[in-house]
Amino acid sequence: MNVAGVVKDWLLIAFSWSVIKDTVTPLNLFGYALAFLGVAYYNHSKLQALKAKETQKKAAQADEEAGKLLEEREGDGMGKKSESQD
């Protein structure tokens, strides 16, 4: 919601500047640029965290599947050995 609020503020400022011809000072522009960089960094860090979590989840699933396959193979190997002993 905070990010959406910042974007809404930018749109309001752009409207104010273009339609109403309100003045925008260099200090205002610096503040807008700083806010933009903050939002971009926030989105980037959220995306990286989401990708890392997804990668970790996929690795855990692959490990779980590999463990199940090993258990099945070991179970099949023991079953064959006991059959050959009979």
C-alpha atoms as a PDB file:
ATOM      1  CA  MET A   1       0.000   0.000   0.000  1.00  0.00           C
ATOM      2  CA  ASN A   2       2.883   2.365   0.727  1.00  0.00           C
ATOM      3  CA  VAL A   3       4.343   1.847  -2.743  1.00  0.00           C
ATOM      4  CA  ALA A   4       0.948   2.484  -4.342  1.00  0.00           C
ATOM      5  CA  GLY A   5       0.685   5.676  -2.287  1.00  0.00           C
ATOM      6  CA  VAL A   6       4.026   6.920  -3.617  1.00  0.00           C
ATOM      7  CA  VAL A   7       2.986   6.222  -7.216  1.00  0.00           C
ATOM      8  CA  LYS A   8      -0.308   8.012  -6.606  1.00  0.00           C
ATOM      9  CA  ASP A   9       1.629  11.009  -5.288  1.00  0.00           C
ATOM     10  CA  TRP A  10       3.807  11.058  -8.410  1.00  0.00           C
ATOM     11  CA  LEU A  11       0.745  11.052 -10.645  1.00  0.00           C
ATOM     12  CA  LEU A  12      -0.824  13.851  -8.631  1.00  0.00           C
ATOM     13  CA  ILE A  13       2.362  15.921  -8.869  1.00  0.00           C
ATOM     14  CA  ALA A  14       2.645  15.299 -12.629  1.00  0.00           C
ATOM     15  CA  PHE A  15      -0.978  16.348 -13.078  1.00  0.00           C
ATOM     16  CA  SER A  16      -0.435  19.426 -10.942  1.00  0.00           C
ATOM     17  CA  TRP A  17       2.658  20.420 -12.905  1.00  0.00           C
ATOM     18  CA  SER A  18       1.266  19.773 -16.399  1.00  0.00           C
ATOM     19  CA  VAL A  19      -2.350  20.943 -16.061  1.00  0.00           C
ATOM     20  CA  ILE A  20      -2.334  23.504 -13.269  1.00  0.00           C
ATOM     21  CA  LYS A  21       1.193  24.725 -14.133  1.00  0.00           C
ATOM     22  CA  ASP A  22       2.352  24.504 -10.538  1.00  0.00           C
ATOM     23  CA  THR A  23       6.081  25.128 -10.015  1.00  0.00           C
ATOM     24  CA  VAL A  24       8.453  22.264  -9.328  1.00  0.00           C
ATOM     25  CA  THR A  25      11.737  23.235  -7.695  1.00  0.00           C
ATOM     26  CA  PRO A  26      15.048  21.368  -8.003  1.00  0.00           C
ATOM     27  CA  LEU A  27      14.613  20.277  -4.385  1.00  0.00           C
ATOM     28  CA  ASN A  28      11.223  18.784  -5.311  1.00  0.00           C
ATOM     29  CA  LEU A  29      12.799  16.932  -8.237  1.00  0.00           C
ATOM     30  CA  PHE A  30      15.556  15.600  -5.972  1.00  0.00           C
ATOM     31  CA  GLY A  31      12.958  14.341  -3.501  1.00  0.00           C
ATOM     32  CA  TYR A  32      10.940  12.677  -6.259  1.00  0.00           C
ATOM     33  CA  ALA A  33      14.073  11.013  -7.634  1.00  0.00           C
ATOM     34  CA  LEU A  34      15.015   9.784  -4.173  1.00  0.00           C
ATOM     35  CA  ALA A  35      11.523   8.378  -3.633  1.00  0.00           C
ATOM     36  CA  PHE A  36      11.663   6.696  -7.047  1.00  0.00           C
ATOM     37  CA  LEU A  37      15.001   5.060  -6.222  1.00  0.00           C
ATOM     38  CA  GLY A  38      13.620   3.908  -2.888  1.00  0.00           C
ATOM     39  CA  VAL A  39      10.611   2.278  -4.528  1.00  0.00           C
ATOM     40  CA  ALA A  40      12.819   0.669  -7.188  1.00  0.00           C
ATOM     41  CA  TYR A  41      15.160  -0.736  -4.530  1.00  0.00           C
ATOM     42  CA  TYR A  42      12.222  -2.026  -2.490  1.00  0.00           C
ATOM     43  CA  ASN A  43      10.725  -3.806  -5.513  1.00  0.00           C
ATOM     44  CA  HIS A  44      14.123  -5.236  -6.487  1.00  0.00           C
ATOM     45  CA  SER A  45      14.791  -6.615  -3.007  1.00  0.00           C
ATOM     46  CA  LYS A  46      11.293  -8.120  -2.790  1.00  0.00           C
ATOM     47  CA  LEU A  47      11.756  -9.782  -6.183  1.00  0.00           C
ATOM     48  CA  GLN A  48      15.158 -11.194  -5.187  1.00  0.00           C
ATOM     49  CA  ALA A  49      13.722 -12.564  -1.933  1.00  0.00           C
ATOM     50  CA  LEU A  50      10.836 -14.163  -3.813  1.00  0.00           C
ATOM     51  CA  LYS A  51      13.213 -15.771  -6.323  1.00  0.00           C
ATOM     52  CA  ALA A  52      15.454 -17.087  -3.534  1.00  0.00           C
ATOM     53  CA  LYS A  53      12.472 -18.541  -1.697  1.00  0.00           C
ATOM     54  CA  GLU A  54      11.199 -20.201  -4.884  1.00  0.00           C
ATOM     55  CA  THR A  55      14.641 -21.665  -5.634  1.00  0.00           C
ATOM     56  CA  GLN A  56      14.912 -22.993  -2.092  1.00  0.00           C
ATOM     57  CA  LYS A  57      11.447 -24.525  -2.345  1.00  0.00           C
ATOM     58  CA  LYS A  58      12.304 -26.259  -5.641  1.00  0.00           C
ATOM     59  CA  ALA A  59      15.574 -27.586  -4.196  1.00  0.00           C
ATOM     60  CA  ALA A  60      13.736 -28.994  -1.180  1.00  0.00           C
ATOM     61  CA  GLN A  61      11.199 -30.705  -3.451  1.00  0.00           C
ATOM     62  CA  ALA A  62      13.977 -32.183  -5.589  1.00  0.00           C
ATOM     63  CA  ASP A  63      15.760 -33.483  -2.482  1.00  0.00           C
ATOM     64  CA  GLU A  64      12.544 -35.008  -1.212  1.00  0.00           C
ATOM     65  CA  GLU A  65      11.869 -36.716  -4.542  1.00  0.00           C
ATOM     66  CA  ALA A  66      15.445 -38.033  -4.692  1.00  0.00           C
ATOM     67  CA  GLY A  67      15.086 -39.424  -1.175  1.00  0.00           C
ATOM     68  CA  LYS A  68      11.867 -41.213  -2.116  1.00  0.00           C
ATOM     69  CA  LEU A  69      13.521 -42.720  -5.195  1.00  0.00           C
ATOM     70  CA  LEU A  70      16.432 -43.972  -3.114  1.00  0.00           C
ATOM     71  CA  GLU A  71      14.059 -45.522  -0.595  1.00  0.00           C
ATOM     72  CA  GLU A  72      12.160 -47.255  -3.408  1.00  0.00           C
ATOM     73  CA  ARG A  73      15.369 -48.581  -4.960  1.00  0.00           C
ATOM     74  CA  GLU A  74      16.647 -49.818  -1.617  1.00  0.00           C
ATOM     75  CA  GLY A  75      13.300 -51.451  -0.940  1.00  0.00           C
ATOM     76  CA  ASP A  76      13.305 -53.138  -4.359  1.00  0.00           C
ATOM     77  CA  GLY A  77      16.886 -54.331  -3.886  1.00  0.00           C
ATOM     78  CA  MET A  78      16.121 -55.916  -0.497  1.00  0.00           C
ATOM     79  CA  GLY A  79      12.986 -57.543  -1.858  1.00  0.00           C
ATOM     80  CA  LYS A  80      14.967 -59.167  -4.670  1.00  0.00           C
ATOM     81  CA  LYS A  81      17.666 -60.376  -2.286  1.00  0.00           C
ATOM     82  CA  SER A  82      15.131 -62.031   0.019  1.00  0.00           C
ATOM     83  CA  GLU A  83      13.406 -63.662  -2.965  1.00  0.00           C
ATOM     84  CA  SER A  84      16.697 -65.071  -4.256  1.00  0.00           C
ATOM     85  CA  GLN A  85      17.503 -66.469  -0.790  1.00  0.00           C
ATOM     86  CA  ASP A  86      14.262 -68.517  -0.743  1.00  0.00           C
END
